[in-house]
C-alpha atoms as a PDB file:
ATOM      1  CA  GLY A   1      -6.824  -9.191   7.076  1.00  0.00           C
ATOM      2  CA  ILE A   2      -6.931 -12.533   8.894  1.00  0.00           C
ATOM      3  CA  ASN A   3      -3.848 -13.918  10.627  1.00  0.00           C
ATOM      4  CA  GLY A   4      -2.611 -17.493  10.850  1.00  0.00           C
ATOM      5  CA  PHE A   5      -4.816 -18.145  13.870  1.00  0.00           C
ATOM      6  CA  GLY A   6      -7.986 -17.206  11.970  1.00  0.00           C
ATOM      7  CA  ILE A   7      -8.337 -13.913  13.824  1.00  0.00           C
ATOM      8  CA  SER A   8      -9.346 -10.738  12.009  1.00  0.00           C
ATOM      9  CA  VAL A   9      -6.665  -8.098  12.517  1.00  0.00           C
ATOM     10  CA  LYS A  10      -7.522  -4.409  12.287  1.00  0.00           C
ATOM     11  CA  ASN A  11      -5.711  -2.635   9.467  1.00  0.00           C
ATOM     12  CA  ILE A  12      -4.449   0.920   9.525  1.00  0.00           C
ATOM     13  CA  ARG A  13      -7.150   2.167   7.148  1.00  0.00           C
ATOM     14  CA  GLU A  14      -9.811   0.865   9.521  1.00  0.00           C
ATOM     15  CA  LEU A  15      -8.148   2.692  12.398  1.00  0.00           C
ATOM     16  CA  ALA A  16      -8.233   5.955  10.444  1.00  0.00           C
ATOM     17  CA  ALA A  17     -11.860   5.415   9.429  1.00  0.00           C
ATOM     18  CA  GLU A  18     -12.855   4.683  13.039  1.00  0.00           C
ATOM     19  CA  LYS A  19     -11.468   8.099  13.936  1.00  0.00           C
ATOM     20  CA  GLY A  20     -13.756   9.676  11.362  1.00  0.00           C
ATOM     21  CA  LEU A  21     -11.019  10.346   8.815  1.00  0.00           C
ATOM     22  CA  ALA A  22     -11.341  10.072   5.051  1.00  0.00           C
ATOM     23  CA  THR A  23      -9.558   7.101   3.503  1.00  0.00           C
ATOM     24  CA  ALA A  24      -8.424   6.090   0.026  1.00  0.00           C
ATOM     25  CA  VAL A  25      -7.035   2.873  -1.425  1.00  0.00           C
ATOM     26  CA  LEU A  26      -5.579   2.856  -4.938  1.00  0.00           C
ATOM     27  CA  SER A  27      -3.813   0.143  -6.913  1.00  0.00           C
ATOM     28  CA  THR A  28      -2.852  -0.305 -10.537  1.00  0.00           C
ATOM     29  CA  GLU A  29      -4.218  -3.847 -10.302  1.00  0.00           C
ATOM     30  CA  ALA A  30      -7.796  -4.795  -9.397  1.00  0.00           C
ATOM     31  CA  THR A  31      -9.077  -3.603  -6.027  1.00  0.00           C
ATOM     32  CA  THR A  32      -9.551  -7.283  -5.132  1.00  0.00           C
ATOM     33  CA  GLY A  33      -5.784  -7.845  -5.412  1.00  0.00           C
ATOM     34  CA  ALA A  34      -3.816  -8.888  -2.344  1.00  0.00           C
ATOM     35  CA  THR A  35      -2.567  -5.473  -1.215  1.00  0.00           C
ATOM     36  CA  PRO A  36      -5.747  -3.394  -1.648  1.00  0.00           C
ATOM     37  CA  SER A  37      -7.730  -6.262  -0.103  1.00  0.00           C
ATOM     38  CA  GLY A  38      -5.370  -6.343   2.855  1.00  0.00           C
ATOM     39  CA  PHE A  39      -6.036  -2.660   3.495  1.00  0.00           C
ATOM     40  CA  THR A  40      -9.808  -2.983   3.188  1.00  0.00           C
ATOM     41  CA  VAL A  41     -11.408  -6.315   4.104  1.00  0.00           C
ATOM     42  CA  HIS A  42     -11.088  -9.541   6.115  1.00  0.00           C
ATOM     43  CA  ASN A  43     -11.335 -12.795   4.180  1.00  0.00           C
ATOM     44  CA  VAL A  44      -9.730 -16.215   4.536  1.00  0.00           C
ATOM     45  CA  SER A  45      -8.454 -16.251   0.936  1.00  0.00           C
ATOM     46  CA  ARG A  46      -7.287 -13.716  -1.624  1.00  0.00           C
ATOM     47  CA  GLN A  47      -8.967 -15.929  -4.222  1.00  0.00           C
ATOM     48  CA  ASN A  48     -12.477 -15.133  -2.913  1.00  0.00           C
ATOM     49  CA  LYS A  49     -12.681 -12.141  -5.207  1.00  0.00           C
ATOM     50  CA  ASP A  50     -16.481 -11.906  -5.366  1.00  0.00           C
ATOM     51  CA  GLU A  51     -16.712 -11.875  -1.558  1.00  0.00           C
ATOM     52  CA  ILE A  52     -13.919  -9.306  -1.342  1.00  0.00           C
ATOM     53  CA  ALA A  53     -15.562  -7.069  -3.941  1.00  0.00           C
ATOM     54  CA  ALA A  54     -18.915  -7.257  -2.118  1.00  0.00           C
ATOM     55  CA  ALA A  55     -17.279  -6.355   1.211  1.00  0.00           C
ATOM     56  CA  GLN A  56     -15.421  -3.449  -0.403  1.00  0.00           C
ATOM     57  CA  GLN A  57     -18.679  -2.191  -1.897  1.00  0.00           C
ATOM     58  CA  GLU A  58     -20.277  -2.212   1.550  1.00  0.00           C
ATOM     59  CA  LEU A  59     -17.364  -0.197   2.914  1.00  0.00           C
ATOM     60  CA  THR A  60     -17.602   2.422   0.178  1.00  0.00           C
ATOM     61  CA  ASP A  61     -21.396   2.596   0.525  1.00  0.00           C
ATOM     62  CA  SER A  62     -21.051   3.157   4.280  1.00  0.00           C
ATOM     63  CA  GLY A  63     -18.345   5.790   3.833  1.00  0.00           C
ATOM     64  CA  SER A  64     -15.658   3.764   5.614  1.00  0.00           C
ATOM     65  CA  ILE A  65     -13.682   3.982   2.370  1.00  0.00           C
ATOM     66  CA  THR A  66     -13.923   7.402   0.754  1.00  0.00           C
ATOM     67  CA  TYR A  67     -12.109   6.592  -2.474  1.00  0.00           C
ATOM     68  CA  LEU A  68     -11.383   3.153  -3.950  1.00  0.00           C
ATOM     69  CA  LYS A  69      -9.807   2.665  -7.359  1.00  0.00           C
ATOM     70  CA  GLY A  70      -8.059  -0.134  -9.222  1.00  0.00           C
ATOM     71  CA  ASP A  71      -7.201  -1.313 -12.733  1.00  0.00           C
ATOM     72  CA  MET A  72      -4.993   1.500 -14.040  1.00  0.00           C
ATOM     73  CA  PRO A  73      -3.337   0.332 -17.264  1.00  0.00           C
ATOM     74  CA  GLY A  74      -2.249   3.686 -18.674  1.00  0.00           C
ATOM     75  CA  GLU A  75       1.174   5.244 -18.258  1.00  0.00           C
ATOM     76  CA  HIS A  76      -0.076   8.266 -16.318  1.00  0.00           C
ATOM     77  CA  ASP A  77      -3.227   6.822 -14.745  1.00  0.00           C
ATOM     78  CA  LEU A  78      -1.670   6.337 -11.300  1.00  0.00           C
ATOM     79  CA  LEU A  79      -0.534   9.958 -11.152  1.00  0.00           C
ATOM     80  CA  SER A  80      -3.956  11.211 -12.223  1.00  0.00           C
ATOM     81  CA  GLU A  81      -5.803   9.045  -9.693  1.00  0.00           C
ATOM     82  CA  THR A  82      -3.322   9.977  -6.954  1.00  0.00           C
ATOM     83  CA  LYS A  83      -4.112  13.645  -7.536  1.00  0.00           C
ATOM     84  CA  THR A  84      -7.858  12.978  -7.559  1.00  0.00           C
ATOM     85  CA  ALA A  85      -7.816  10.786  -4.460  1.00  0.00           C
ATOM     86  CA  LEU A  86      -5.627  13.064  -2.340  1.00  0.00           C
ATOM     87  CA  THR A  87      -7.775  16.046  -3.265  1.00  0.00           C
ATOM     88  CA  ALA A  88     -10.935  14.127  -2.371  1.00  0.00           C
ATOM     89  CA  ILE A  89      -9.768  12.948   1.045  1.00  0.00           C
ATOM     90  CA  SER A  90      -7.886  16.050   2.189  1.00  0.00           C
ATOM     91  CA  SER A  91     -10.536  18.679   1.545  1.00  0.00           C
ATOM     92  CA  GLY A  92     -12.190  19.869   4.729  1.00  0.00           C
ATOM     93  CA  THR A  93     -11.011  17.004   6.939  1.00  0.00           C
ATOM     94  CA  ASP A  94      -8.988  16.785  10.139  1.00  0.00           C
ATOM     95  CA  GLY A  95      -6.863  14.013   8.685  1.00  0.00           C
ATOM     96  CA  PHE A  96      -6.833  11.197   6.179  1.00  0.00           C
ATOM     97  CA  PHE A  97      -5.199   7.954   5.119  1.00  0.00           C
ATOM     98  CA  ALA A  98      -4.188   6.779   1.646  1.00  0.00           C
ATOM     99  CA  MET A  99      -2.575   3.570   0.423  1.00  0.00           C
ATOM    100  CA  ILE A 100      -1.303   3.874  -3.150  1.00  0.00           C
ATOM    101  CA  GLU A 101       0.226   0.840  -4.885  1.00  0.00           C
ATOM    102  CA  GLU A 102       2.100   0.272  -8.122  1.00  0.00           C
ATOM    103  CA  ALA A 103       1.447  -3.467  -8.460  1.00  0.00           C
ATOM    104  CA  TYR A 104       3.048  -4.059 -11.830  1.00  0.00           C
ATOM    105  CA  ILE A 105       6.683  -3.741 -10.748  1.00  0.00           C
ATOM    106  CA  ASP A 106       6.143  -7.064  -8.985  1.00  0.00           C
ATOM    107  CA  LYS A 107       4.228  -8.535 -11.921  1.00  0.00           C
ATOM    108  CA  ALA A 108       6.870  -7.502 -14.446  1.00  0.00           C
ATOM    109  CA  CYS A 109       9.672  -9.010 -12.335  1.00  0.00           C
ATOM    110  CA  ASP A 110       7.795 -12.253 -11.698  1.00  0.00           C
ATOM    111  CA  ILE A 111       8.120 -14.372 -14.844  1.00  0.00           C
ATOM    112  CA  SER A 112       5.681 -16.919 -13.431  1.00  0.00           C
ATOM    113  CA  TYR A 113       2.881 -14.591 -14.556  1.00  0.00           C
ATOM    114  CA  GLY A 114       3.811 -15.483 -18.139  1.00  0.00           C
ATOM    115  CA  SER A 115       3.069 -11.929 -19.200  1.00  0.00           C
ATOM    116  CA  GLY A 116       6.087 -11.449 -21.427  1.00  0.00           C
ATOM    117  CA  TYR A 117       7.091  -8.254 -19.636  1.00  0.00           C
ATOM    118  CA  THR A 118      10.617  -7.003 -20.353  1.00  0.00           C
ATOM    119  CA  LYS A 119      12.992  -4.760 -18.429  1.00  0.00           C
ATOM    120  CA  ASN A 120      11.587  -1.856 -20.460  1.00  0.00           C
ATOM    121  CA  HIS A 121       8.199  -2.580 -18.911  1.00  0.00           C
ATOM    122  CA  ILE A 122       9.792  -2.713 -15.462  1.00  0.00           C
ATOM    123  CA  ALA A 123      11.349   0.704 -16.058  1.00  0.00           C
ATOM    124  CA  MET A 124       8.012   2.110 -17.197  1.00  0.00           C
ATOM    125  CA  PHE A 125       6.208   0.820 -14.111  1.00  0.00           C
ATOM    126  CA  VAL A 126       8.901   2.205 -11.800  1.00  0.00           C
ATOM    127  CA  SER A 127       8.655   5.549 -13.626  1.00  0.00           C
ATOM    128  CA  ARG A 128       4.868   5.514 -13.258  1.00  0.00           C
ATOM    129  CA  PHE A 129       5.217   4.949  -9.520  1.00  0.00           C
ATOM    130  CA  ASP A 130       7.887   7.646  -9.304  1.00  0.00           C
ATOM    131  CA  GLU A 131       5.484  10.175 -10.834  1.00  0.00           C
ATOM    132  CA  ALA A 132       2.938   9.445  -8.114  1.00  0.00           C
ATOM    133  CA  ILE A 133       5.598   9.643  -5.391  1.00  0.00           C
ATOM    134  CA  LYS A 134       6.809  13.030  -6.620  1.00  0.00           C
ATOM    135  CA  TYR A 135       3.294  14.422  -6.450  1.00  0.00           C
ATOM    136  CA  ALA A 136       2.603  12.839  -3.040  1.00  0.00           C
ATOM    137  CA  ALA A 137       5.881  14.227  -1.645  1.00  0.00           C
ATOM    138  CA  THR A 138       5.021  17.761  -2.787  1.00  0.00           C
ATOM    139  CA  PHE A 139       1.493  17.324  -1.446  1.00  0.00           C
ATOM    140  CA  CYS A 140       2.773  16.220   1.968  1.00  0.00           C
ATOM    141  CA  ALA A 141       5.493  18.871   2.159  1.00  0.00           C
ATOM    142  CA  SER A 142       2.854  21.564   1.795  1.00  0.00           C
ATOM    143  CA  ARG A 143       0.739  20.104   4.609  1.00  0.00           C
ATOM    144  CA  PRO A 144       2.547  20.052   7.978  1.00  0.00           C
ATOM    145  CA  GLY A 145       1.674  17.007  10.027  1.00  0.00           C
ATOM    146  CA  THR A 146       1.333  14.767   6.977  1.00  0.00           C
ATOM    147  CA  VAL A 147       3.588  11.719   6.750  1.00  0.00           C
ATOM    148  CA  LEU A 148       4.627   9.916   3.560  1.00  0.00           C
ATOM    149  CA  ILE A 149       6.081   6.391   3.615  1.00  0.00           C
ATOM    150  CA  VAL A 150       7.294   4.603   0.485  1.00  0.00           C
ATOM    151  CA  THR A 151       8.209   0.926   0.737  1.00  0.00           C
ATOM    152  CA  ALA A 152       7.415  -2.526  -0.644  1.00  0.00           C
ATOM    153  CA  ASP A 153       5.789  -5.631   0.779  1.00  0.00           C
ATOM    154  CA  HIS A 154       8.550  -7.844  -0.655  1.00  0.00           C
ATOM    155  CA  GLU A 155      11.330  -8.003  -3.224  1.00  0.00           C
ATOM    156  CA  THR A 156      10.850  -9.893  -6.472  1.00  0.00           C
ATOM    157  CA  GLY A 157      13.392 -11.305  -8.870  1.00  0.00           C
ATOM    158  CA  ALA A 158      16.612  -9.969  -7.295  1.00  0.00           C
ATOM    159  CA  LEU A 159      16.633  -7.262  -9.956  1.00  0.00           C
ATOM    160  CA  SER A 160      20.130  -6.183 -10.981  1.00  0.00           C
ATOM    161  CA  ALA A 161      21.320  -2.628 -11.595  1.00  0.00           C
ATOM    162  CA  ALA A 162      21.101  -3.428 -15.311  1.00  0.00           C
ATOM    163  CA  GLY A 163      17.405  -4.268 -14.945  1.00  0.00           C
ATOM    164  CA  GLU A 164      17.813  -8.033 -15.265  1.00  0.00           C
ATOM    165  CA  VAL A 165      15.778 -10.511 -13.215  1.00  0.00           C
ATOM    166  CA  THR A 166      18.390 -12.752 -11.588  1.00  0.00           C
ATOM    167  CA  ASN A 167      16.301 -15.020  -9.356  1.00  0.00           C
ATOM    168  CA  ASN A 168      13.954 -16.639 -11.867  1.00  0.00           C
ATOM    169  CA  GLY A 169      11.307 -14.048 -11.149  1.00  0.00           C
ATOM    170  CA  LYS A 170      10.470 -15.304  -7.662  1.00  0.00           C
ATOM    171  CA  HIS A 171       9.920 -13.410  -4.440  1.00  0.00           C
ATOM    172  CA  THR A 172      13.132 -13.209  -2.432  1.00  0.00           C
ATOM    173  CA  ASP A 173      14.052 -12.542   1.188  1.00  0.00           C
ATOM    174  CA  LEU A 174      16.125  -9.490   0.259  1.00  0.00           C
ATOM    175  CA  GLN A 175      15.424  -6.416   2.365  1.00  0.00           C
ATOM    176  CA  VAL A 176      13.476  -3.586   0.770  1.00  0.00           C
ATOM    177  CA  PRO A 177      14.028   0.126   1.399  1.00  0.00           C
ATOM    178  CA  VAL A 178      11.827   2.359   3.518  1.00  0.00           C
ATOM    179  CA  TYR A 179      11.716   6.012   2.495  1.00  0.00           C
ATOM    180  CA  ALA A 180       9.792   8.372   4.729  1.00  0.00           C
ATOM    181  CA  MET A 181       9.218  12.073   5.272  1.00  0.00           C
ATOM    182  CA  GLY A 182       7.295  13.958   7.911  1.00  0.00           C
ATOM    183  CA  TYR A 183       7.235  14.311  11.679  1.00  0.00           C
ATOM    184  CA  GLY A 184       8.689  11.318  13.529  1.00  0.00           C
ATOM    185  CA  THR A 185       9.927   9.435  10.476  1.00  0.00           C
ATOM    186  CA  GLU A 186      13.538   9.796  11.611  1.00  0.00           C
ATOM    187  CA  ILE A 187      12.979   6.555  13.533  1.00  0.00           C
ATOM    188  CA  PHE A 188      13.509   4.744  10.231  1.00  0.00           C
ATOM    189  CA  ASN A 189      16.927   6.319   9.627  1.00  0.00           C
ATOM    190  CA  GLY A 190      19.738   3.771   9.503  1.00  0.00           C
ATOM    191  CA  THR A 191      17.647   0.969  10.948  1.00  0.00           C
ATOM    192  CA  VAL A 192      16.234  -2.371   9.858  1.00  0.00           C
ATOM    193  CA  CYS A 193      12.606  -2.807  10.849  1.00  0.00           C
ATOM    194  CA  ASP A 194       9.801  -5.308  10.470  1.00  0.00           C
ATOM    195  CA  ASN A 195       6.909  -4.150   8.324  1.00  0.00           C
ATOM    196  CA  SER A 196       4.605  -4.437  11.354  1.00  0.00           C
ATOM    197  CA  ASP A 197       6.709  -1.646  12.907  1.00  0.00           C
ATOM    198  CA  ILE A 198       5.661   0.579  10.019  1.00  0.00           C
ATOM    199  CA  ALA A 199       1.999  -0.052  10.769  1.00  0.00           C
ATOM    200  CA  ARG A 200       2.551   0.723  14.444  1.00  0.00           C
ATOM    201  CA  PHE A 201       4.277   3.969  13.521  1.00  0.00           C
ATOM    202  CA  MET A 202       1.380   4.945  11.264  1.00  0.00           C
ATOM    203  CA  ALA A 203      -0.999   4.243  14.141  1.00  0.00           C
ATOM    204  CA  SER A 204       1.060   6.563  16.346  1.00  0.00           C
ATOM    205  CA  VAL A 205       0.462   9.355  13.819  1.00  0.00           C
ATOM    206  CA  TYR A 206      -3.237   8.907  14.615  1.00  0.00           C
ATOM    207  CA  GLY A 207      -2.549   9.042  18.359  1.00  0.00           C
ATOM    208  CA  GLU A 208      -2.608   5.300  19.036  1.00  0.00           C
ATOM    209  CA  SER A 209       0.193   4.057  21.288  1.00  0.00           C
ATOM    210  CA  SER A 210      -0.905   0.421  21.087  1.00  0.00           C
ATOM    211  CA  PHE A 211      -1.778  -1.134  17.746  1.00  0.00           C
ATOM    212  CA  GLY A 212      -1.749  -4.725  16.554  1.00  0.00           C
ATOM    213  CA  GLY A 213      -0.951  -7.619  18.820  1.00  0.00           C
ATOM    214  CA  ASP A 214       1.456 -10.420  19.573  1.00  0.00           C
ATOM    215  CA  TYR A 215      -0.142 -13.796  18.882  1.00  0.00           C
ATOM    216  CA  SER A 216       3.107 -15.769  19.008  1.00  0.00           C
ATOM    217  CA  ASN A 217       2.255 -17.484  22.292  1.00  0.00           C
ATOM    218  CA  MET A 218      -1.305 -18.474  21.444  1.00  0.00           C
ATOM    219  CA  ASN A 219      -2.195 -22.164  21.289  1.00  0.00           C
END
């Protein structure tokens, strides 16, 4: 939540909360992990877990975050929490925002974690995420005006079709897919975009025509 110039940058969950909408952040890893932290707080280091946890607690206490959940080890935990969270934030509101992450696909592909994960684990984590996506897609399809975007923050391991890690388990610069459904998402069809474009599109769903900023020329 802080860019390379030391400036706090508003995230899309904050934008939704400022508009009075319910928000949820879920991850199969701890809520102080990089992705859930990036959607909740502003801190100079992902390693400052106590500070991040304290800031997240303040946000939940104030109602800025409606539903926050992490550490989901079970095979069907992500699906169950997805159902619970979407029900909680969509009941009686004019809109909502949810970020739902399956963190262990990355962990299983990255051998530097030393976890001993195999391609069977990778398949299980992908299947677990797929369960949540299926439910979210049905949920969104039954609610006109709701947008669903499925993507990744990076690729890990150059995974082959046979499920083998071919790049020593490291993050790569390979492009990742963007799947989207809902009004306006046709802008992603057949294009290559920067992930900041995805955030700007999400902001447009909330009626914001200008979101983020260009700091490339700052000294």
